[in-house]
Amino acid sequence: RVLSVHKESKDMGRDLRVGGWITLALGPGLAVFGWILGI
C-alpha cells in the first residue's frame, strides 16, 4: 500500500480508455490541420 507497487487493473483499463479518447480526438484535429497546411 505504501509503495503502491502495482496499479489496480481497473485503473489501468481506465488509463487505456482515456488514452483512446485523447488519440481519437487527435485524428480529426490532425486532418483539419493538414487541410489548413495544404491550403
PDB file of all heavy atoms in Angstrom:
ATOM      1  N   ARG A   1       0.825  -1.199   0.000  1.00  0.00           N
ATOM      2  CA  ARG A   1       0.000   0.000   0.000  1.00  0.00           C
ATOM      3  C   ARG A   1       0.865   1.257   0.000  1.00  0.00           C
ATOM      4  O   ARG A   1       0.591   2.208  -0.732  1.00  0.00           O
ATOM      5  CB  ARG A   1      -0.933  -0.015   1.193  1.00  0.00           C
ATOM      6  CG  ARG A   1      -2.077   0.950   1.066  1.00  0.00           C
ATOM      7  CD  ARG A   1      -3.035   0.825   2.193  1.00  0.00           C
ATOM      8  NE  ARG A   1      -2.289   0.890   3.444  1.00  0.00           N
ATOM      9  CZ  ARG A   1      -2.706   0.436   4.616  1.00  0.00           C
ATOM     10  NH1 ARG A   1      -3.892  -0.098   4.714  1.00  0.00           N
ATOM     11  NH2 ARG A   1      -1.976   0.529   5.700  1.00  0.00           N
ATOM     12  N   VAL A   2       1.904   1.286   0.797  1.00  0.00           N
ATOM     13  CA  VAL A   2       2.750   2.474   0.890  1.00  0.00           C
ATOM     14  C   VAL A   2       3.568   2.654  -0.386  1.00  0.00           C
ATOM     15  O   VAL A   2       3.683   3.755  -0.915  1.00  0.00           O
ATOM     16  CB  VAL A   2       3.683   2.396   2.123  1.00  0.00           C
ATOM     17  CG1 VAL A   2       4.722   3.495   2.092  1.00  0.00           C
ATOM     18  CG2 VAL A   2       2.874   2.478   3.400  1.00  0.00           C
ATOM     19  N   LEU A   3       4.117   1.568  -0.892  1.00  0.00           N
ATOM     20  CA  LEU A   3       4.946   1.665  -2.089  1.00  0.00           C
ATOM     21  C   LEU A   3       4.128   1.660  -3.369  1.00  0.00           C
ATOM     22  O   LEU A   3       4.652   1.959  -4.439  1.00  0.00           O
ATOM     23  CB  LEU A   3       5.965   0.519  -2.123  1.00  0.00           C
ATOM     24  CG  LEU A   3       7.023   0.545  -1.017  1.00  0.00           C
ATOM     25  CD1 LEU A   3       7.917  -0.666  -1.105  1.00  0.00           C
ATOM     26  CD2 LEU A   3       7.845   1.820  -1.100  1.00  0.00           C
ATOM     27  N   SER A   4       2.853   1.300  -3.265  1.00  0.00           N
ATOM     28  CA  SER A   4       1.957   1.195  -4.425  1.00  0.00           C
ATOM     29  C   SER A   4       2.659   0.549  -5.605  1.00  0.00           C
ATOM     30  O   SER A   4       2.836   1.140  -6.655  1.00  0.00           O
ATOM     31  CB  SER A   4       1.371   2.549  -4.809  1.00  0.00           C
ATOM     32  OG  SER A   4       2.379   3.479  -5.136  1.00  0.00           O
ATOM     33  N   VAL A   5       3.084  -0.696  -5.370  1.00  0.00           N
ATOM     34  CA  VAL A   5       3.877  -1.438  -6.342  1.00  0.00           C
ATOM     35  C   VAL A   5       3.134  -1.601  -7.659  1.00  0.00           C
ATOM     36  O   VAL A   5       3.666  -1.374  -8.730  1.00  0.00           O
ATOM     37  CB  VAL A   5       4.279  -2.808  -5.760  1.00  0.00           C
ATOM     38  CG1 VAL A   5       4.986  -3.643  -6.802  1.00  0.00           C
ATOM     39  CG2 VAL A   5       5.137  -2.632  -4.533  1.00  0.00           C
ATOM     40  N   HIS A   6       1.860  -1.985  -7.603  1.00  0.00           N
ATOM     41  CA  HIS A   6       1.094  -2.218  -8.825  1.00  0.00           C
ATOM     42  C   HIS A   6      -0.187  -1.395  -8.774  1.00  0.00           C
ATOM     43  O   HIS A   6      -0.836  -1.311  -7.749  1.00  0.00           O
ATOM     44  CB  HIS A   6       0.716  -3.693  -8.947  1.00  0.00           C
ATOM     45  CG  HIS A   6       1.890  -4.607  -8.982  1.00  0.00           C
ATOM     46  ND1 HIS A   6       2.719  -4.695 -10.069  1.00  0.00           N
ATOM     47  CD2 HIS A   6       2.404  -5.456  -8.065  1.00  0.00           C
ATOM     48  CE1 HIS A   6       3.668  -5.566  -9.823  1.00  0.00           C
ATOM     49  NE2 HIS A   6       3.500  -6.036  -8.615  1.00  0.00           N
ATOM     50  N   LYS A   7      -0.543  -0.831  -9.927  1.00  0.00           N
ATOM     51  CA  LYS A   7      -1.843  -0.169 -10.018  1.00  0.00           C
ATOM     52  C   LYS A   7      -2.895  -1.242 -10.151  1.00  0.00           C
ATOM     53  O   LYS A   7      -2.652  -2.310 -10.680  1.00  0.00           O
ATOM     54  CB  LYS A   7      -1.890   0.739 -11.250  1.00  0.00           C
ATOM     55  CG  LYS A   7      -1.071   1.984 -11.136  1.00  0.00           C
ATOM     56  CD  LYS A   7      -1.160   2.753 -12.418  1.00  0.00           C
ATOM     57  CE  LYS A   7      -2.201   3.818 -12.281  1.00  0.00           C
ATOM     58  NZ  LYS A   7      -2.282   4.656 -13.485  1.00  0.00           N
ATOM     59  N   GLU A   8      -4.091  -0.941  -9.689  1.00  0.00           N
ATOM     60  CA  GLU A   8      -5.182  -1.883  -9.868  1.00  0.00           C
ATOM     61  C   GLU A   8      -5.540  -1.951 -11.337  1.00  0.00           C
ATOM     62  O   GLU A   8      -5.404  -0.994 -12.072  1.00  0.00           O
ATOM     63  CB  GLU A   8      -6.397  -1.442  -9.052  1.00  0.00           C
ATOM     64  CG  GLU A   8      -6.165  -1.486  -7.563  1.00  0.00           C
ATOM     65  CD  GLU A   8      -7.394  -1.064  -6.794  1.00  0.00           C
ATOM     66  OE1 GLU A   8      -8.508  -1.188  -7.337  1.00  0.00           O
ATOM     67  OE2 GLU A   8      -7.237  -0.621  -5.665  1.00  0.00           O
ATOM     68  N   SER A   9      -6.019  -3.118 -11.771  1.00  0.00           N
ATOM     69  CA  SER A   9      -6.299  -3.310 -13.188  1.00  0.00           C
ATOM     70  C   SER A   9      -7.383  -2.365 -13.689  1.00  0.00           C
ATOM     71  O   SER A   9      -7.334  -1.919 -14.820  1.00  0.00           O
ATOM     72  CB  SER A   9      -6.689  -4.762 -13.462  1.00  0.00           C
ATOM     73  OG  SER A   9      -7.887  -5.073 -12.801  1.00  0.00           O
ATOM     74  N   LYS A  10      -8.354  -2.018 -12.839  1.00  0.00           N
ATOM     75  CA  LYS A  10      -9.398  -1.101 -13.309  1.00  0.00           C
ATOM     76  C   LYS A  10      -8.810   0.276 -13.587  1.00  0.00           C
ATOM     77  O   LYS A  10      -9.264   0.977 -14.481  1.00  0.00           O
ATOM     78  CB  LYS A  10     -10.550  -1.023 -12.328  1.00  0.00           C
ATOM     79  CG  LYS A  10     -10.225  -0.383 -11.000  1.00  0.00           C
ATOM     80  CD  LYS A  10     -11.456  -0.284 -10.142  1.00  0.00           C
ATOM     81  CE  LYS A  10     -11.108   0.457  -8.861  1.00  0.00           C
ATOM     82  NZ  LYS A  10     -12.263   0.709  -8.050  1.00  0.00           N
ATOM     83  N   ASP A  11      -7.782   0.681 -12.829  1.00  0.00           N
ATOM     84  CA  ASP A  11      -7.128   1.954 -13.109  1.00  0.00           C
ATOM     85  C   ASP A  11      -6.387   1.891 -14.435  1.00  0.00           C
ATOM     86  O   ASP A  11      -6.424   2.840 -15.215  1.00  0.00           O
ATOM     87  CB  ASP A  11      -6.158   2.332 -11.994  1.00  0.00           C
ATOM     88  CG  ASP A  11      -6.862   2.682 -10.699  1.00  0.00           C
ATOM     89  OD1 ASP A  11      -8.063   2.990 -10.739  1.00  0.00           O
ATOM     90  OD2 ASP A  11      -6.201   2.628  -9.642  1.00  0.00           O
ATOM     91  N   MET A  12      -5.729   0.775 -14.720  1.00  0.00           N
ATOM     92  CA  MET A  12      -5.022   0.625 -15.985  1.00  0.00           C
ATOM     93  C   MET A  12      -6.005   0.622 -17.149  1.00  0.00           C
ATOM     94  O   MET A  12      -5.755   1.216 -18.184  1.00  0.00           O
ATOM     95  CB  MET A  12      -4.187  -0.657 -15.980  1.00  0.00           C
ATOM     96  CG  MET A  12      -3.045  -0.640 -14.992  1.00  0.00           C
ATOM     97  SD  MET A  12      -1.776   0.522 -15.445  1.00  0.00           S
ATOM     98  CE  MET A  12      -0.970  -0.418 -16.706  1.00  0.00           C
ATOM     99  N   GLY A  13      -7.140  -0.053 -16.970  1.00  0.00           N
ATOM    100  CA  GLY A  13      -8.151  -0.060 -18.017  1.00  0.00           C
ATOM    101  C   GLY A  13      -8.691   1.338 -18.269  1.00  0.00           C
ATOM    102  O   GLY A  13      -8.894   1.754 -19.415  1.00  0.00           O
ATOM    103  N   ARG A  14      -8.912   2.075 -17.188  1.00  0.00           N
ATOM    104  CA  ARG A  14      -9.380   3.457 -17.331  1.00  0.00           C
ATOM    105  C   ARG A  14      -8.330   4.298 -18.043  1.00  0.00           C
ATOM    106  O   ARG A  14      -8.663   5.095 -18.926  1.00  0.00           O
ATOM    107  CB  ARG A  14      -9.675   4.049 -15.955  1.00  0.00           C
ATOM    108  CG  ARG A  14     -10.272   5.449 -16.042  1.00  0.00           C
ATOM    109  CD  ARG A  14     -10.180   6.209 -14.760  1.00  0.00           C
ATOM    110  NE  ARG A  14      -8.764   6.479 -14.513  1.00  0.00           N
ATOM    111  CZ  ARG A  14      -8.198   6.477 -13.316  1.00  0.00           C
ATOM    112  NH1 ARG A  14      -8.896   6.227 -12.241  1.00  0.00           N
ATOM    113  NH2 ARG A  14      -6.922   6.717 -13.170  1.00  0.00           N
ATOM    114  N   ASP A  15      -7.068   4.103 -17.703  1.00  0.00           N
ATOM    115  CA  ASP A  15      -5.999   4.862 -18.348  1.00  0.00           C
ATOM    116  C   ASP A  15      -5.930   4.562 -19.843  1.00  0.00           C
ATOM    117  O   ASP A  15      -5.723   5.462 -20.658  1.00  0.00           O
ATOM    118  CB  ASP A  15      -4.653   4.561 -17.694  1.00  0.00           C
ATOM    119  CG  ASP A  15      -4.566   5.083 -16.262  1.00  0.00           C
ATOM    120  OD1 ASP A  15      -5.435   5.885 -15.865  1.00  0.00           O
ATOM    121  OD2 ASP A  15      -3.636   4.671 -15.550  1.00  0.00           O
ATOM    122  N   LEU A  16      -6.099   3.296 -20.206  1.00  0.00           N
ATOM    123  CA  LEU A  16      -6.101   2.945 -21.628  1.00  0.00           C
ATOM    124  C   LEU A  16      -7.279   3.591 -22.352  1.00  0.00           C
ATOM    125  O   LEU A  16      -7.136   4.083 -23.478  1.00  0.00           O
ATOM    126  CB  LEU A  16      -6.152   1.431 -21.801  1.00  0.00           C
ATOM    127  CG  LEU A  16      -4.854   0.669 -21.506  1.00  0.00           C
ATOM    128  CD1 LEU A  16      -5.116  -0.827 -21.520  1.00  0.00           C
ATOM    129  CD2 LEU A  16      -3.785   1.040 -22.514  1.00  0.00           C
ATOM    130  N   ARG A  17      -8.446   3.599 -21.707  1.00  0.00           N
ATOM    131  CA  ARG A  17      -9.607   4.228 -22.339  1.00  0.00           C
ATOM    132  C   ARG A  17      -9.417   5.738 -22.482  1.00  0.00           C
ATOM    133  O   ARG A  17      -9.779   6.325 -23.510  1.00  0.00           O
ATOM    134  CB  ARG A  17     -10.873   3.912 -21.549  1.00  0.00           C
ATOM    135  CG  ARG A  17     -11.338   2.479 -21.756  1.00  0.00           C
ATOM    136  CD  ARG A  17     -12.708   2.243 -21.153  1.00  0.00           C
ATOM    137  NE  ARG A  17     -12.768   2.483 -19.723  1.00  0.00           N
ATOM    138  CZ  ARG A  17     -12.487   1.593 -18.782  1.00  0.00           C
ATOM    139  NH1 ARG A  17     -12.132   0.373 -19.119  1.00  0.00           N
ATOM    140  NH2 ARG A  17     -12.578   1.901 -17.513  1.00  0.00           N
ATOM    141  N   VAL A  18      -8.854   6.385 -21.473  1.00  0.00           N
ATOM    142  CA  VAL A  18      -8.592   7.825 -21.568  1.00  0.00           C
ATOM    143  C   VAL A  18      -7.617   8.104 -22.710  1.00  0.00           C
ATOM    144  O   VAL A  18      -7.820   9.028 -23.508  1.00  0.00           O
ATOM    145  CB  VAL A  18      -8.047   8.377 -20.226  1.00  0.00           C
ATOM    146  CG1 VAL A  18      -7.488   9.776 -20.387  1.00  0.00           C
ATOM    147  CG2 VAL A  18      -9.144   8.366 -19.174  1.00  0.00           C
ATOM    148  N   GLY A  19      -6.573   7.298 -22.813  1.00  0.00           N
ATOM    149  CA  GLY A  19      -5.642   7.452 -23.932  1.00  0.00           C
ATOM    150  C   GLY A  19      -6.318   7.247 -25.265  1.00  0.00           C
ATOM    151  O   GLY A  19      -6.029   7.945 -26.247  1.00  0.00           O
ATOM    152  N   GLY A  20      -7.250   6.298 -25.309  1.00  0.00           N
ATOM    153  CA  GLY A  20      -8.008   6.069 -26.536  1.00  0.00           C
ATOM    154  C   GLY A  20      -8.841   7.271 -26.923  1.00  0.00           C
ATOM    155  O   GLY A  20      -8.901   7.654 -28.096  1.00  0.00           O
ATOM    156  N   TRP A  21      -9.497   7.891 -25.949  1.00  0.00           N
ATOM    157  CA  TRP A  21     -10.318   9.072 -26.250  1.00  0.00           C
ATOM    158  C   TRP A  21      -9.458  10.242 -26.697  1.00  0.00           C
ATOM    159  O   TRP A  21      -9.836  11.002 -27.592  1.00  0.00           O
ATOM    160  CB  TRP A  21     -11.168   9.472 -25.046  1.00  0.00           C
ATOM    161  CG  TRP A  21     -12.348   8.585 -24.859  1.00  0.00           C
ATOM    162  CD1 TRP A  21     -12.556   7.694 -23.837  1.00  0.00           C
ATOM    163  CD2 TRP A  21     -13.483   8.466 -25.731  1.00  0.00           C
ATOM    164  NE1 TRP A  21     -13.749   7.037 -24.027  1.00  0.00           N
ATOM    165  CE2 TRP A  21     -14.343   7.488 -25.179  1.00  0.00           C
ATOM    166  CE3 TRP A  21     -13.850   9.074 -26.914  1.00  0.00           C
ATOM    167  CZ2 TRP A  21     -15.537   7.131 -25.780  1.00  0.00           C
ATOM    168  CZ3 TRP A  21     -15.037   8.725 -27.511  1.00  0.00           C
ATOM    169  CH2 TRP A  21     -15.876   7.755 -26.941  1.00  0.00           C
ATOM    170  N   ILE A  22      -8.296  10.398 -26.077  1.00  0.00           N
ATOM    171  CA  ILE A  22      -7.414  11.506 -26.465  1.00  0.00           C
ATOM    172  C   ILE A  22      -6.922  11.322 -27.894  1.00  0.00           C
ATOM    173  O   ILE A  22      -6.970  12.249 -28.707  1.00  0.00           O
ATOM    174  CB  ILE A  22      -6.231  11.626 -25.477  1.00  0.00           C
ATOM    175  CG1 ILE A  22      -6.737  12.117 -24.119  1.00  0.00           C
ATOM    176  CG2 ILE A  22      -5.149  12.561 -26.023  1.00  0.00           C
ATOM    177  CD1 ILE A  22      -5.708  12.041 -23.012  1.00  0.00           C
ATOM    178  N   THR A  23      -6.452  10.120 -28.222  1.00  0.00           N
ATOM    179  CA  THR A  23      -5.957   9.902 -29.582  1.00  0.00           C
ATOM    180  C   THR A  23      -7.097   9.921 -30.597  1.00  0.00           C
ATOM    181  O   THR A  23      -6.889  10.309 -31.747  1.00  0.00           O
ATOM    182  CB  THR A  23      -5.168   8.586 -29.682  1.00  0.00           C
ATOM    183  OG1 THR A  23      -5.976   7.509 -29.209  1.00  0.00           O
ATOM    184  CG2 THR A  23      -3.878   8.661 -28.894  1.00  0.00           C
ATOM    185  N   LEU A  24      -8.297   9.524 -30.177  1.00  0.00           N
ATOM    186  CA  LEU A  24      -9.453   9.604 -31.074  1.00  0.00           C
ATOM    187  C   LEU A  24      -9.753  11.060 -31.441  1.00  0.00           C
ATOM    188  O   LEU A  24     -10.076  11.377 -32.579  1.00  0.00           O
ATOM    189  CB  LEU A  24     -10.675   8.964 -30.420  1.00  0.00           C
ATOM    190  CG  LEU A  24     -11.946   8.907 -31.258  1.00  0.00           C
ATOM    191  CD1 LEU A  24     -11.740   7.988 -32.451  1.00  0.00           C
ATOM    192  CD2 LEU A  24     -13.106   8.419 -30.416  1.00  0.00           C
ATOM    193  N   ALA A  25      -9.613  11.963 -30.476  1.00  0.00           N
ATOM    194  CA  ALA A  25      -9.836  13.382 -30.744  1.00  0.00           C
ATOM    195  C   ALA A  25      -8.706  13.980 -31.590  1.00  0.00           C
ATOM    196  O   ALA A  25      -8.931  14.921 -32.351  1.00  0.00           O
ATOM    197  CB  ALA A  25      -9.963  14.152 -29.431  1.00  0.00           C
ATOM    198  N   LEU A  26      -7.506  13.425 -31.474  1.00  0.00           N
ATOM    199  CA  LEU A  26      -6.386  13.946 -32.255  1.00  0.00           C
ATOM    200  C   LEU A  26      -6.520  13.663 -33.742  1.00  0.00           C
ATOM    201  O   LEU A  26      -6.072  14.458 -34.567  1.00  0.00           O
ATOM    202  CB  LEU A  26      -5.070  13.342 -31.752  1.00  0.00           C
ATOM    203  CG  LEU A  26      -4.495  13.941 -30.487  1.00  0.00           C
ATOM    204  CD1 LEU A  26      -3.309  13.126 -30.021  1.00  0.00           C
ATOM    205  CD2 LEU A  26      -4.092  15.373 -30.714  1.00  0.00           C
ATOM    206  N   GLY A  27      -7.136  12.547 -34.107  1.00  0.00           N
ATOM    207  CA  GLY A  27      -7.250  12.166 -35.509  1.00  0.00           C
ATOM    208  C   GLY A  27      -7.919  13.244 -36.362  1.00  0.00           C
ATOM    209  O   GLY A  27      -7.310  13.756 -37.316  1.00  0.00           O
ATOM    210  N   PRO A  28      -9.166  13.626 -36.062  1.00  0.00           N
ATOM    211  CA  PRO A  28      -9.803  14.683 -36.862  1.00  0.00           C
ATOM    212  C   PRO A  28      -9.076  16.028 -36.753  1.00  0.00           C
ATOM    213  O   PRO A  28      -9.016  16.783 -37.729  1.00  0.00           O
ATOM    214  CB  PRO A  28     -11.206  14.790 -36.266  1.00  0.00           C
ATOM    215  CG  PRO A  28     -11.432  13.501 -35.576  1.00  0.00           C
ATOM    216  CD  PRO A  28     -10.097  13.017 -35.117  1.00  0.00           C
ATOM    217  N   GLY A  29      -8.511  16.316 -35.591  1.00  0.00           N
ATOM    218  CA  GLY A  29      -7.772  17.571 -35.437  1.00  0.00           C
ATOM    219  C   GLY A  29      -6.568  17.631 -36.362  1.00  0.00           C
ATOM    220  O   GLY A  29      -6.294  18.665 -36.983  1.00  0.00           O
ATOM    221  N   LEU A  30      -5.852  16.516 -36.484  1.00  0.00           N
ATOM    222  CA  LEU A  30      -4.705  16.481 -37.387  1.00  0.00           C
ATOM    223  C   LEU A  30      -5.145  16.553 -38.844  1.00  0.00           C
ATOM    224  O   LEU A  30      -4.447  17.136 -39.678  1.00  0.00           O
ATOM    225  CB  LEU A  30      -3.882  15.218 -37.133  1.00  0.00           C
ATOM    226  CG  LEU A  30      -3.094  15.214 -35.825  1.00  0.00           C
ATOM    227  CD1 LEU A  30      -2.495  13.845 -35.568  1.00  0.00           C
ATOM    228  CD2 LEU A  30      -2.015  16.276 -35.851  1.00  0.00           C
ATOM    229  N   ALA A  31      -6.294  15.971 -39.166  1.00  0.00           N
ATOM    230  CA  ALA A  31      -6.804  16.046 -40.537  1.00  0.00           C
ATOM    231  C   ALA A  31      -7.120  17.496 -40.903  1.00  0.00           C
ATOM    232  O   ALA A  31      -6.766  17.966 -41.998  1.00  0.00           O
ATOM    233  CB  ALA A  31      -8.045  15.166 -40.686  1.00  0.00           C
ATOM    234  N   VAL A  32      -7.768  18.227 -40.002  1.00  0.00           N
ATOM    235  CA  VAL A  32      -8.075  19.640 -40.256  1.00  0.00           C
ATOM    236  C   VAL A  32      -6.783  20.448 -40.359  1.00  0.00           C
ATOM    237  O   VAL A  32      -6.640  21.313 -41.235  1.00  0.00           O
ATOM    238  CB  VAL A  32      -9.002  20.208 -39.151  1.00  0.00           C
ATOM    239  CG1 VAL A  32      -9.132  21.715 -39.251  1.00  0.00           C
ATOM    240  CG2 VAL A  32     -10.359  19.533 -39.219  1.00  0.00           C
ATOM    241  N   PHE A  33      -5.830  20.149 -39.501  1.00  0.00           N
ATOM    242  CA  PHE A  33      -4.543  20.841 -39.545  1.00  0.00           C
ATOM    243  C   PHE A  33      -3.849  20.596 -40.887  1.00  0.00           C
ATOM    244  O   PHE A  33      -3.283  21.513 -41.485  1.00  0.00           O
ATOM    245  CB  PHE A  33      -3.671  20.375 -38.378  1.00  0.00           C
ATOM    246  CG  PHE A  33      -2.338  21.049 -38.293  1.00  0.00           C
ATOM    247  CD1 PHE A  33      -2.245  22.415 -38.106  1.00  0.00           C
ATOM    248  CD2 PHE A  33      -1.169  20.315 -38.398  1.00  0.00           C
ATOM    249  CE1 PHE A  33      -1.016  23.042 -38.032  1.00  0.00           C
ATOM    250  CE2 PHE A  33       0.059  20.926 -38.319  1.00  0.00           C
ATOM    251  CZ  PHE A  33       0.143  22.297 -38.142  1.00  0.00           C
ATOM    252  N   GLY A  34      -3.897  19.363 -41.371  1.00  0.00           N
ATOM    253  CA  GLY A  34      -3.311  19.057 -42.677  1.00  0.00           C
ATOM    254  C   GLY A  34      -4.009  19.789 -43.802  1.00  0.00           C
ATOM    255  O   GLY A  34      -3.363  20.257 -44.749  1.00  0.00           O
ATOM    256  N   TRP A  35      -5.324  19.911 -43.720  1.00  0.00           N
ATOM    257  CA  TRP A  35      -6.076  20.642 -44.737  1.00  0.00           C
ATOM    258  C   TRP A  35      -5.639  22.109 -44.760  1.00  0.00           C
ATOM    259  O   TRP A  35      -5.424  22.684 -45.824  1.00  0.00           O
ATOM    260  CB  TRP A  35      -7.570  20.510 -44.436  1.00  0.00           C
ATOM    261  CG  TRP A  35      -8.454  21.263 -45.363  1.00  0.00           C
ATOM    262  CD1 TRP A  35      -8.639  21.036 -46.700  1.00  0.00           C
ATOM    263  CD2 TRP A  35      -9.245  22.391 -45.023  1.00  0.00           C
ATOM    264  NE1 TRP A  35      -9.524  21.950 -47.199  1.00  0.00           N
ATOM    265  CE2 TRP A  35      -9.916  22.802 -46.192  1.00  0.00           C
ATOM    266  CE3 TRP A  35      -9.473  23.087 -43.838  1.00  0.00           C
ATOM    267  CZ2 TRP A  35     -10.781  23.879 -46.208  1.00  0.00           C
ATOM    268  CZ3 TRP A  35     -10.344  24.151 -43.853  1.00  0.00           C
ATOM    269  CH2 TRP A  35     -10.985  24.536 -45.034  1.00  0.00           C
ATOM    270  N   ILE A  36      -5.481  22.689 -43.569  1.00  0.00           N
ATOM    271  CA  ILE A  36      -5.039  24.093 -43.484  1.00  0.00           C
ATOM    272  C   ILE A  36      -3.627  24.246 -44.031  1.00  0.00           C
ATOM    273  O   ILE A  36      -3.328  25.177 -44.779  1.00  0.00           O
ATOM    274  CB  ILE A  36      -5.129  24.597 -42.029  1.00  0.00           C
ATOM    275  CG1 ILE A  36      -6.593  24.688 -41.609  1.00  0.00           C
ATOM    276  CG2 ILE A  36      -4.442  25.947 -41.869  1.00  0.00           C
ATOM    277  CD1 ILE A  36      -6.803  24.930 -40.133  1.00  0.00           C
ATOM    278  N   LEU A  37      -2.729  23.310 -43.682  1.00  0.00           N
ATOM    279  CA  LEU A  37      -1.361  23.368 -44.214  1.00  0.00           C
ATOM    280  C   LEU A  37      -1.357  23.222 -45.728  1.00  0.00           C
ATOM    281  O   LEU A  37      -0.560  23.862 -46.420  1.00  0.00           O
ATOM    282  CB  LEU A  37      -0.496  22.274 -43.592  1.00  0.00           C
ATOM    283  CG  LEU A  37      -0.023  22.484 -42.162  1.00  0.00           C
ATOM    284  CD1 LEU A  37       0.745  21.271 -41.684  1.00  0.00           C
ATOM    285  CD2 LEU A  37       0.822  23.734 -42.054  1.00  0.00           C
ATOM    286  N   GLY A  38      -2.243  22.372 -46.242  1.00  0.00           N
ATOM    287  CA  GLY A  38      -2.319  22.188 -47.683  1.00  0.00           C
ATOM    288  C   GLY A  38      -2.742  23.454 -48.406  1.00  0.00           C
ATOM    289  O   GLY A  38      -2.251  23.759 -49.492  1.00  0.00           O
ATOM    290  N   ILE A  39      -3.660  24.190 -47.803  1.00  0.00           N
ATOM    291  CA  ILE A  39      -4.093  25.452 -48.404  1.00  0.00           C
ATOM    292  C   ILE A  39      -2.972  26.487 -48.330  1.00  0.00           C
ATOM    293  O   ILE A  39      -2.691  27.199 -49.297  1.00  0.00           O
ATOM    294  CB  ILE A  39      -5.360  25.985 -47.702  1.00  0.00           C
ATOM    295  CG1 ILE A  39      -6.544  25.075 -48.012  1.00  0.00           C
ATOM    296  CG2 ILE A  39      -5.663  27.416 -48.109  1.00  0.00           C
ATOM    297  CD1 ILE A  39      -7.776  25.395 -47.210  1.00  0.00           C
TER     298      ILE A  39
END
